[in-house]
Amino acid sequence: MTWLQGRVVRFRLSPEGKQALVGTFEKESVLGLVEVVDDLGAWIVVGRPASGKSHPLILLKWDYFATAVLEIEPPQEAQAARIGFTA
């Protein structure tokens, strides 16, 4: 799951997550920047931290979310070299 690191991800909370994080988030999903992924879960930053100031990380345990949605770009195909003369 290290491929989540450095990406902005929308996490939809599981029933366990809704119960454990009651009062922390207003909605059933949370959008955050994933800073670190470890055995416990994803450590995320919610919102935009002020420039030059530290930002709190929130641990979103693996059991606390049901789905994770993120945008990825398809891999770029390498252009094949042409055989012959080029103009």
PDB file of N, CA and C in Angstrom:
ATOM      1  N   MET A   1       0.806  -1.204   0.000  1.00  0.00           N
ATOM      2  CA  MET A   1       0.000   0.000   0.000  1.00  0.00           C
ATOM      3  C   MET A   1       0.846   1.264   0.000  1.00  0.00           C
ATOM      4  N   THR A   2       2.133   1.133  -0.147  1.00  0.00           N
ATOM      5  CA  THR A   2       2.976   2.328  -0.145  1.00  0.00           C
ATOM      6  C   THR A   2       2.691   3.221  -1.338  1.00  0.00           C
ATOM      7  N   TRP A   3       2.026   2.696  -2.372  1.00  0.00           N
ATOM      8  CA  TRP A   3       1.694   3.519  -3.529  1.00  0.00           C
ATOM      9  C   TRP A   3       0.666   4.585  -3.186  1.00  0.00           C
ATOM     10  N   LEU A   4       0.030   4.528  -2.019  1.00  0.00           N
ATOM     11  CA  LEU A   4      -0.885   5.579  -1.573  1.00  0.00           C
ATOM     12  C   LEU A   4      -0.133   6.814  -1.087  1.00  0.00           C
ATOM     13  N   GLN A   5       1.109   6.638  -0.643  1.00  0.00           N
ATOM     14  CA  GLN A   5       1.882   7.744  -0.090  1.00  0.00           C
ATOM     15  C   GLN A   5       2.044   8.862  -1.105  1.00  0.00           C
ATOM     16  N   GLY A   6       1.844  10.091  -0.627  1.00  0.00           N
ATOM     17  CA  GLY A   6       2.005  11.263  -1.475  1.00  0.00           C
ATOM     18  C   GLY A   6       0.813  11.559  -2.362  1.00  0.00           C
ATOM     19  N   ARG A   7      -0.267  10.831  -2.217  1.00  0.00           N
ATOM     20  CA  ARG A   7      -1.455  11.032  -3.057  1.00  0.00           C
ATOM     21  C   ARG A   7      -2.612  11.576  -2.221  1.00  0.00           C
ATOM     22  N   VAL A   8      -3.455  12.341  -2.881  1.00  0.00           N
ATOM     23  CA  VAL A   8      -4.684  12.815  -2.252  1.00  0.00           C
ATOM     24  C   VAL A   8      -5.736  11.741  -2.468  1.00  0.00           C
ATOM     25  N   VAL A   9      -6.323  11.281  -1.369  1.00  0.00           N
ATOM     26  CA  VAL A   9      -7.244  10.146  -1.409  1.00  0.00           C
ATOM     27  C   VAL A   9      -8.522  10.513  -0.665  1.00  0.00           C
ATOM     28  N   ARG A  10      -9.671  10.097  -1.223  1.00  0.00           N
ATOM     29  CA  ARG A  10     -10.942  10.223  -0.505  1.00  0.00           C
ATOM     30  C   ARG A  10     -11.256   8.866   0.106  1.00  0.00           C
ATOM     31  N   PHE A  11     -11.341   8.833   1.429  1.00  0.00           N
ATOM     32  CA  PHE A  11     -11.644   7.613   2.176  1.00  0.00           C
ATOM     33  C   PHE A  11     -13.102   7.648   2.607  1.00  0.00           C
ATOM     34  N   ARG A  12     -13.860   6.605   2.286  1.00  0.00           N
ATOM     35  CA  ARG A  12     -15.229   6.461   2.775  1.00  0.00           C
ATOM     36  C   ARG A  12     -15.158   5.611   4.034  1.00  0.00           C
ATOM     37  N   LEU A  13     -15.649   6.158   5.134  1.00  0.00           N
ATOM     38  CA  LEU A  13     -15.519   5.493   6.424  1.00  0.00           C
ATOM     39  C   LEU A  13     -16.384   4.245   6.517  1.00  0.00           C
ATOM     40  N   SER A  14     -15.850   3.237   7.173  1.00  0.00           N
ATOM     41  CA  SER A  14     -16.591   2.009   7.456  1.00  0.00           C
ATOM     42  C   SER A  14     -17.462   2.268   8.692  1.00  0.00           C
ATOM     43  N   PRO A  15     -18.391   1.353   9.006  1.00  0.00           N
ATOM     44  CA  PRO A  15     -19.184   1.523  10.234  1.00  0.00           C
ATOM     45  C   PRO A  15     -18.289   1.650  11.483  1.00  0.00           C
ATOM     46  N   GLU A  16     -17.208   0.873  11.544  1.00  0.00           N
ATOM     47  CA  GLU A  16     -16.277   0.974  12.678  1.00  0.00           C
ATOM     48  C   GLU A  16     -15.606   2.347  12.708  1.00  0.00           C
ATOM     49  N   GLY A  17     -15.254   2.842  11.537  1.00  0.00           N
ATOM     50  CA  GLY A  17     -14.619   4.149  11.447  1.00  0.00           C
ATOM     51  C   GLY A  17     -15.547   5.274  11.851  1.00  0.00           C
ATOM     52  N   LYS A  18     -16.817   5.191  11.434  1.00  0.00           N
ATOM     53  CA  LYS A  18     -17.804   6.205  11.817  1.00  0.00           C
ATOM     54  C   LYS A  18     -17.956   6.270  13.331  1.00  0.00           C
ATOM     55  N   GLN A  19     -17.973   5.088  13.956  1.00  0.00           N
ATOM     56  CA  GLN A  19     -18.141   5.027  15.407  1.00  0.00           C
ATOM     57  C   GLN A  19     -16.888   5.532  16.124  1.00  0.00           C
ATOM     58  N   ALA A  20     -15.708   5.127  15.658  1.00  0.00           N
ATOM     59  CA  ALA A  20     -14.464   5.509  16.325  1.00  0.00           C
ATOM     60  C   ALA A  20     -14.125   6.981  16.122  1.00  0.00           C
ATOM     61  N   LEU A  21     -14.516   7.538  14.987  1.00  0.00           N
ATOM     62  CA  LEU A  21     -14.135   8.911  14.653  1.00  0.00           C
ATOM     63  C   LEU A  21     -15.294   9.895  14.770  1.00  0.00           C
ATOM     64  N   VAL A  22     -16.317   9.530  15.534  1.00  0.00           N
ATOM     65  CA  VAL A  22     -17.462  10.412  15.703  1.00  0.00           C
ATOM     66  C   VAL A  22     -16.981  11.768  16.243  1.00  0.00           C
ATOM     67  N   GLY A  23     -17.431  12.827  15.612  1.00  0.00           N
ATOM     68  CA  GLY A  23     -17.032  14.175  16.024  1.00  0.00           C
ATOM     69  C   GLY A  23     -15.753  14.665  15.377  1.00  0.00           C
ATOM     70  N   THR A  24     -14.979  13.770  14.774  1.00  0.00           N
ATOM     71  CA  THR A  24     -13.729  14.171  14.116  1.00  0.00           C
ATOM     72  C   THR A  24     -13.997  14.687  12.715  1.00  0.00           C
ATOM     73  N   PHE A  25     -14.865  13.993  11.980  1.00  0.00           N
ATOM     74  CA  PHE A  25     -15.222  14.380  10.622  1.00  0.00           C
ATOM     75  C   PHE A  25     -16.720  14.592  10.548  1.00  0.00           C
ATOM     76  N   GLU A  26     -17.133  15.587   9.753  1.00  0.00           N
ATOM     77  CA  GLU A  26     -18.555  15.896   9.639  1.00  0.00           C
ATOM     78  C   GLU A  26     -19.287  14.947   8.692  1.00  0.00           C
ATOM     79  N   LYS A  27     -18.578  14.413   7.716  1.00  0.00           N
ATOM     80  CA  LYS A  27     -19.217  13.583   6.697  1.00  0.00           C
ATOM     81  C   LYS A  27     -18.767  12.131   6.834  1.00  0.00           C
ATOM     82  N   GLU A  28     -19.346  11.272   5.979  1.00  0.00           N
ATOM     83  CA  GLU A  28     -18.999   9.850   6.002  1.00  0.00           C
ATOM     84  C   GLU A  28     -17.744   9.554   5.200  1.00  0.00           C
ATOM     85  N   SER A  29     -17.180  10.588   4.577  1.00  0.00           N
ATOM     86  CA  SER A  29     -15.928  10.399   3.854  1.00  0.00           C
ATOM     87  C   SER A  29     -15.001  11.551   4.212  1.00  0.00           C
ATOM     88  N   VAL A  30     -13.711  11.313   4.007  1.00  0.00           N
ATOM     89  CA  VAL A  30     -12.719  12.332   4.329  1.00  0.00           C
ATOM     90  C   VAL A  30     -11.690  12.370   3.201  1.00  0.00           C
ATOM     91  N   LEU A  31     -11.306  13.584   2.819  1.00  0.00           N
ATOM     92  CA  LEU A  31     -10.304  13.785   1.786  1.00  0.00           C
ATOM     93  C   LEU A  31      -9.017  14.202   2.466  1.00  0.00           C
ATOM     94  N   GLY A  32      -7.933  13.487   2.181  1.00  0.00           N
ATOM     95  CA  GLY A  32      -6.674  13.810   2.833  1.00  0.00           C
ATOM     96  C   GLY A  32      -5.476  13.412   2.004  1.00  0.00           C
ATOM     97  N   LEU A  33      -4.353  14.056   2.304  1.00  0.00           N
ATOM     98  CA  LEU A  33      -3.077  13.731   1.683  1.00  0.00           C
ATOM     99  C   LEU A  33      -2.422  12.643   2.521  1.00  0.00           C
ATOM    100  N   VAL A  34      -2.095  11.525   1.904  1.00  0.00           N
ATOM    101  CA  VAL A  34      -1.476  10.413   2.621  1.00  0.00           C
ATOM    102  C   VAL A  34       0.016  10.695   2.751  1.00  0.00           C
ATOM    103  N   GLU A  35       0.469  10.861   3.978  1.00  0.00           N
ATOM    104  CA  GLU A  35       1.884  11.133   4.248  1.00  0.00           C
ATOM    105  C   GLU A  35       2.672   9.838   4.433  1.00  0.00           C
ATOM    106  N   VAL A  36       2.124   8.909   5.223  1.00  0.00           N
ATOM    107  CA  VAL A  36       2.827   7.668   5.556  1.00  0.00           C
ATOM    108  C   VAL A  36       1.816   6.533   5.576  1.00  0.00           C
ATOM    109  N   VAL A  37       2.253   5.362   5.133  1.00  0.00           N
ATOM    110  CA  VAL A  37       1.449   4.146   5.226  1.00  0.00           C
ATOM    111  C   VAL A  37       2.269   3.122   5.994  1.00  0.00           C
ATOM    112  N   ASP A  38       1.667   2.535   7.025  1.00  0.00           N
ATOM    113  CA  ASP A  38       2.375   1.507   7.792  1.00  0.00           C
ATOM    114  C   ASP A  38       1.404   0.399   8.171  1.00  0.00           C
ATOM    115  N   ASP A  39       1.801  -0.475   9.077  1.00  0.00           N
ATOM    116  CA  ASP A  39       0.969  -1.609   9.477  1.00  0.00           C
ATOM    117  C   ASP A  39      -0.330  -1.182  10.160  1.00  0.00           C
ATOM    118  N   LEU A  40      -0.327  -0.009  10.780  1.00  0.00           N
ATOM    119  CA  LEU A  40      -1.518   0.468  11.476  1.00  0.00           C
ATOM    120  C   LEU A  40      -2.569   1.016  10.528  1.00  0.00           C
ATOM    121  N   GLY A  41      -2.132   1.702   9.474  1.00  0.00           N
ATOM    122  CA  GLY A  41      -3.062   2.316   8.538  1.00  0.00           C
ATOM    123  C   GLY A  41      -2.391   3.432   7.766  1.00  0.00           C
ATOM    124  N   ALA A  42      -3.198   4.391   7.338  1.00  0.00           N
ATOM    125  CA  ALA A  42      -2.706   5.537   6.571  1.00  0.00           C
ATOM    126  C   ALA A  42      -2.683   6.770   7.468  1.00  0.00           C
ATOM    127  N   TRP A  43      -1.541   7.437   7.516  1.00  0.00           N
ATOM    128  CA  TRP A  43      -1.397   8.679   8.269  1.00  0.00           C
ATOM    129  C   TRP A  43      -1.646   9.810   7.285  1.00  0.00           C
ATOM    130  N   ILE A  44      -2.722  10.589   7.524  1.00  0.00           N
ATOM    131  CA  ILE A  44      -3.145  11.579   6.543  1.00  0.00           C
ATOM    132  C   ILE A  44      -3.157  12.990   7.119  1.00  0.00           C
ATOM    133  N   VAL A  45      -3.047  13.944   6.210  1.00  0.00           N
ATOM    134  CA  VAL A  45      -3.219  15.361   6.530  1.00  0.00           C
ATOM    135  C   VAL A  45      -4.554  15.771   5.937  1.00  0.00           C
ATOM    136  N   VAL A  46      -5.418  16.351   6.764  1.00  0.00           N
ATOM    137  CA  VAL A  46      -6.723  16.807   6.296  1.00  0.00           C
ATOM    138  C   VAL A  46      -6.678  18.326   6.206  1.00  0.00           C
ATOM    139  N   GLY A  47      -7.104  18.863   5.069  1.00  0.00           N
ATOM    140  CA  GLY A  47      -7.071  20.308   4.873  1.00  0.00           C
ATOM    141  C   GLY A  47      -5.685  20.759   4.446  1.00  0.00           C
ATOM    142  N   ARG A  48      -5.530  22.062   4.293  1.00  0.00           N
ATOM    143  CA  ARG A  48      -4.248  22.619   3.867  1.00  0.00           C
ATOM    144  C   ARG A  48      -3.542  23.233   5.062  1.00  0.00           C
ATOM    145  N   PRO A  49      -2.376  22.730   5.405  1.00  0.00           N
ATOM    146  CA  PRO A  49      -1.646  23.320   6.533  1.00  0.00           C
ATOM    147  C   PRO A  49      -1.119  24.704   6.160  1.00  0.00           C
ATOM    148  N   ALA A  50      -1.019  25.570   7.144  1.00  0.00           N
ATOM    149  CA  ALA A  50      -0.471  26.908   6.923  1.00  0.00           C
ATOM    150  C   ALA A  50       0.992  26.781   6.518  1.00  0.00           C
ATOM    151  N   SER A  51       1.414  27.641   5.644  1.00  0.00           N
ATOM    152  CA  SER A  51       2.783  27.597   5.137  1.00  0.00           C
ATOM    153  C   SER A  51       3.787  27.782   6.272  1.00  0.00           C
ATOM    154  N   GLY A  52       4.771  26.896   6.309  1.00  0.00           N
ATOM    155  CA  GLY A  52       5.824  26.998   7.311  1.00  0.00           C
ATOM    156  C   GLY A  52       5.450  26.464   8.683  1.00  0.00           C
ATOM    157  N   LYS A  53       4.244  25.991   8.852  1.00  0.00           N
ATOM    158  CA  LYS A  53       3.817  25.463  10.146  1.00  0.00           C
ATOM    159  C   LYS A  53       3.675  23.951  10.061  1.00  0.00           C
ATOM    160  N   SER A  54       3.858  23.300  11.197  1.00  0.00           N
ATOM    161  CA  SER A  54       3.676  21.850  11.223  1.00  0.00           C
ATOM    162  C   SER A  54       2.193  21.531  11.080  1.00  0.00           C
ATOM    163  N   HIS A  55       1.910  20.341  10.609  1.00  0.00           N
ATOM    164  CA  HIS A  55       0.526  19.941  10.426  1.00  0.00           C
ATOM    165  C   HIS A  55       0.298  18.616  11.136  1.00  0.00           C
ATOM    166  N   PRO A  56      -0.859  18.486  11.778  1.00  0.00           N
ATOM    167  CA  PRO A  56      -1.128  17.230  12.481  1.00  0.00           C
ATOM    168  C   PRO A  56      -1.454  16.111  11.503  1.00  0.00           C
ATOM    169  N   LEU A  57      -0.981  14.926  11.826  1.00  0.00           N
ATOM    170  CA  LEU A  57      -1.311  13.733  11.053  1.00  0.00           C
ATOM    171  C   LEU A  57      -2.411  12.981  11.787  1.00  0.00           C
ATOM    172  N   ILE A  58      -3.350  12.463  11.027  1.00  0.00           N
ATOM    173  CA  ILE A  58      -4.433  11.673  11.589  1.00  0.00           C
ATOM    174  C   ILE A  58      -4.241  10.234  11.119  1.00  0.00           C
ATOM    175  N   LEU A  59      -4.259   9.303  12.049  1.00  0.00           N
ATOM    176  CA  LEU A  59      -4.150   7.895  11.707  1.00  0.00           C
ATOM    177  C   LEU A  59      -5.523   7.380  11.324  1.00  0.00           C
ATOM    178  N   LEU A  60      -5.653   6.928  10.102  1.00  0.00           N
ATOM    179  CA  LEU A  60      -6.876   6.299   9.640  1.00  0.00           C
ATOM    180  C   LEU A  60      -6.583   4.808   9.541  1.00  0.00           C
ATOM    181  N   LYS A  61      -6.992   4.063  10.577  1.00  0.00           N
ATOM    182  CA  LYS A  61      -6.689   2.633  10.629  1.00  0.00           C
ATOM    183  C   LYS A  61      -7.344   1.909   9.466  1.00  0.00           C
ATOM    184  N   TRP A  62      -6.744   0.798   9.057  1.00  0.00           N
ATOM    185  CA  TRP A  62      -7.252   0.032   7.923  1.00  0.00           C
ATOM    186  C   TRP A  62      -8.720  -0.341   8.102  1.00  0.00           C
ATOM    187  N   ASP A  63      -9.136  -0.659   9.322  1.00  0.00           N
ATOM    188  CA  ASP A  63     -10.525  -1.045   9.581  1.00  0.00           C
ATOM    189  C   ASP A  63     -11.486   0.137   9.542  1.00  0.00           C
ATOM    190  N   TYR A  64     -10.965   1.358   9.544  1.00  0.00           N
ATOM    191  CA  TYR A  64     -11.808   2.543   9.641  1.00  0.00           C
ATOM    192  C   TYR A  64     -12.325   3.050   8.306  1.00  0.00           C
ATOM    193  N   PHE A  65     -11.846   2.502   7.197  1.00  0.00           N
ATOM    194  CA  PHE A  65     -12.422   2.931   5.933  1.00  0.00           C
ATOM    195  C   PHE A  65     -12.814   1.734   5.082  1.00  0.00           C
ATOM    196  N   ALA A  66     -13.889   1.949   4.307  1.00  0.00           N
ATOM    197  CA  ALA A  66     -14.432   0.880   3.471  1.00  0.00           C
ATOM    198  C   ALA A  66     -13.849   0.940   2.065  1.00  0.00           C
ATOM    199  N   THR A  67     -13.679   2.146   1.541  1.00  0.00           N
ATOM    200  CA  THR A  67     -13.109   2.325   0.211  1.00  0.00           C
ATOM    201  C   THR A  67     -12.186   3.521   0.196  1.00  0.00           C
ATOM    202  N   ALA A  68     -11.280   3.513  -0.765  1.00  0.00           N
ATOM    203  CA  ALA A  68     -10.378   4.640  -0.987  1.00  0.00           C
ATOM    204  C   ALA A  68     -10.450   4.983  -2.473  1.00  0.00           C
ATOM    205  N   VAL A  69     -10.668   6.252  -2.771  1.00  0.00           N
ATOM    206  CA  VAL A  69     -10.796   6.691  -4.157  1.00  0.00           C
ATOM    207  C   VAL A  69      -9.691   7.700  -4.438  1.00  0.00           C
ATOM    208  N   LEU A  70      -8.951   7.461  -5.521  1.00  0.00           N
ATOM    209  CA  LEU A  70      -7.909   8.391  -5.913  1.00  0.00           C
ATOM    210  C   LEU A  70      -7.777   8.397  -7.421  1.00  0.00           C
ATOM    211  N   GLU A  71      -7.212   9.465  -7.931  1.00  0.00           N
ATOM    212  CA  GLU A  71      -7.008   9.576  -9.371  1.00  0.00           C
ATOM    213  C   GLU A  71      -5.579   9.180  -9.692  1.00  0.00           C
ATOM    214  N   ILE A  72      -5.436   8.365 -10.720  1.00  0.00           N
ATOM    215  CA  ILE A  72      -4.114   7.993 -11.187  1.00  0.00           C
ATOM    216  C   ILE A  72      -4.057   8.211 -12.689  1.00  0.00           C
ATOM    217  N   GLU A  73      -2.876   8.459 -13.175  1.00  0.00           N
ATOM    218  CA  GLU A  73      -2.695   8.624 -14.603  1.00  0.00           C
ATOM    219  C   GLU A  73      -2.247   7.298 -15.194  1.00  0.00           C
ATOM    220  N   PRO A  74      -2.782   6.964 -16.375  1.00  0.00           N
ATOM    221  CA  PRO A  74      -2.342   5.711 -16.989  1.00  0.00           C
ATOM    222  C   PRO A  74      -0.870   5.792 -17.358  1.00  0.00           C
ATOM    223  N   PRO A  75      -0.191   4.661 -17.351  1.00  0.00           N
ATOM    224  CA  PRO A  75       1.227   4.672 -17.692  1.00  0.00           C
ATOM    225  C   PRO A  75       1.425   5.139 -19.133  1.00  0.00           C
ATOM    226  N   GLN A  76       2.458   5.939 -19.335  1.00  0.00           N
ATOM    227  CA  GLN A  76       2.773   6.433 -20.667  1.00  0.00           C
ATOM    228  C   GLN A  76       3.496   5.348 -21.442  1.00  0.00           C
ATOM    229  N   GLU A  77       3.049   5.123 -22.669  1.00  0.00           N
ATOM    230  CA  GLU A  77       3.702   4.133 -23.508  1.00  0.00           C
ATOM    231  C   GLU A  77       4.970   4.733 -24.094  1.00  0.00           C
ATOM    232  N   ALA A  78       6.022   3.953 -24.079  1.00  0.00           N
ATOM    233  CA  ALA A  78       7.275   4.417 -24.667  1.00  0.00           C
ATOM    234  C   ALA A  78       7.118   4.450 -26.184  1.00  0.00           C
ATOM    235  N   GLN A  79       7.581   5.532 -26.791  1.00  0.00           N
ATOM    236  CA  GLN A  79       7.487   5.621 -28.234  1.00  0.00           C
ATOM    237  C   GLN A  79       8.550   4.731 -28.864  1.00  0.00           C
ATOM    238  N   ALA A  80       8.107   3.956 -29.822  1.00  0.00           N
ATOM    239  CA  ALA A  80       9.031   3.053 -30.504  1.00  0.00           C
ATOM    240  C   ALA A  80       9.909   3.843 -31.454  1.00  0.00           C
ATOM    241  N   ALA A  81      11.181   3.510 -31.468  1.00  0.00           N
ATOM    242  CA  ALA A  81      12.113   4.181 -32.389  1.00  0.00           C
ATOM    243  C   ALA A  81      11.799   3.741 -33.799  1.00  0.00           C
ATOM    244  N   ARG A  82      11.826   4.697 -34.712  1.00  0.00           N
ATOM    245  CA  ARG A  82      11.546   4.384 -36.112  1.00  0.00           C
ATOM    246  C   ARG A  82      12.815   3.860 -36.784  1.00  0.00           C
ATOM    247  N   ILE A  83      12.589   2.943 -37.635  1.00  0.00           N
ATOM    248  CA  ILE A  83      13.726   2.385 -38.404  1.00  0.00           C
ATOM    249  C   ILE A  83      13.786   3.138 -39.721  1.00  0.00           C
ATOM    250  N   GLY A  84      14.972   3.555 -40.094  1.00  0.00           N
ATOM    251  CA  GLY A  84      15.152   4.230 -41.380  1.00  0.00           C
ATOM    252  C   GLY A  84      15.651   5.643 -41.187  1.00  0.00           C
ATOM    253  N   PHE A  85      15.504   6.416 -42.238  1.00  0.00           N
ATOM    254  CA  PHE A  85      15.988   7.798 -42.251  1.00  0.00           C
ATOM    255  C   PHE A  85      14.899   8.724 -41.734  1.00  0.00           C
ATOM    256  N   THR A  86      15.305   9.771 -41.042  1.00  0.00           N
ATOM    257  CA  THR A  86      14.376  10.781 -40.587  1.00  0.00           C
ATOM    258  C   THR A  86      14.688  12.092 -41.282  1.00  0.00           C
ATOM    259  N   ALA A  87      13.693  12.851 -41.543  1.00  0.00           N
ATOM    260  CA  ALA A  87      13.887  14.123 -42.247  1.00  0.00           C
ATOM    261  C   ALA A  87      14.080  15.256 -41.286  1.00  0.00           C
TER     262      ALA A  87
END
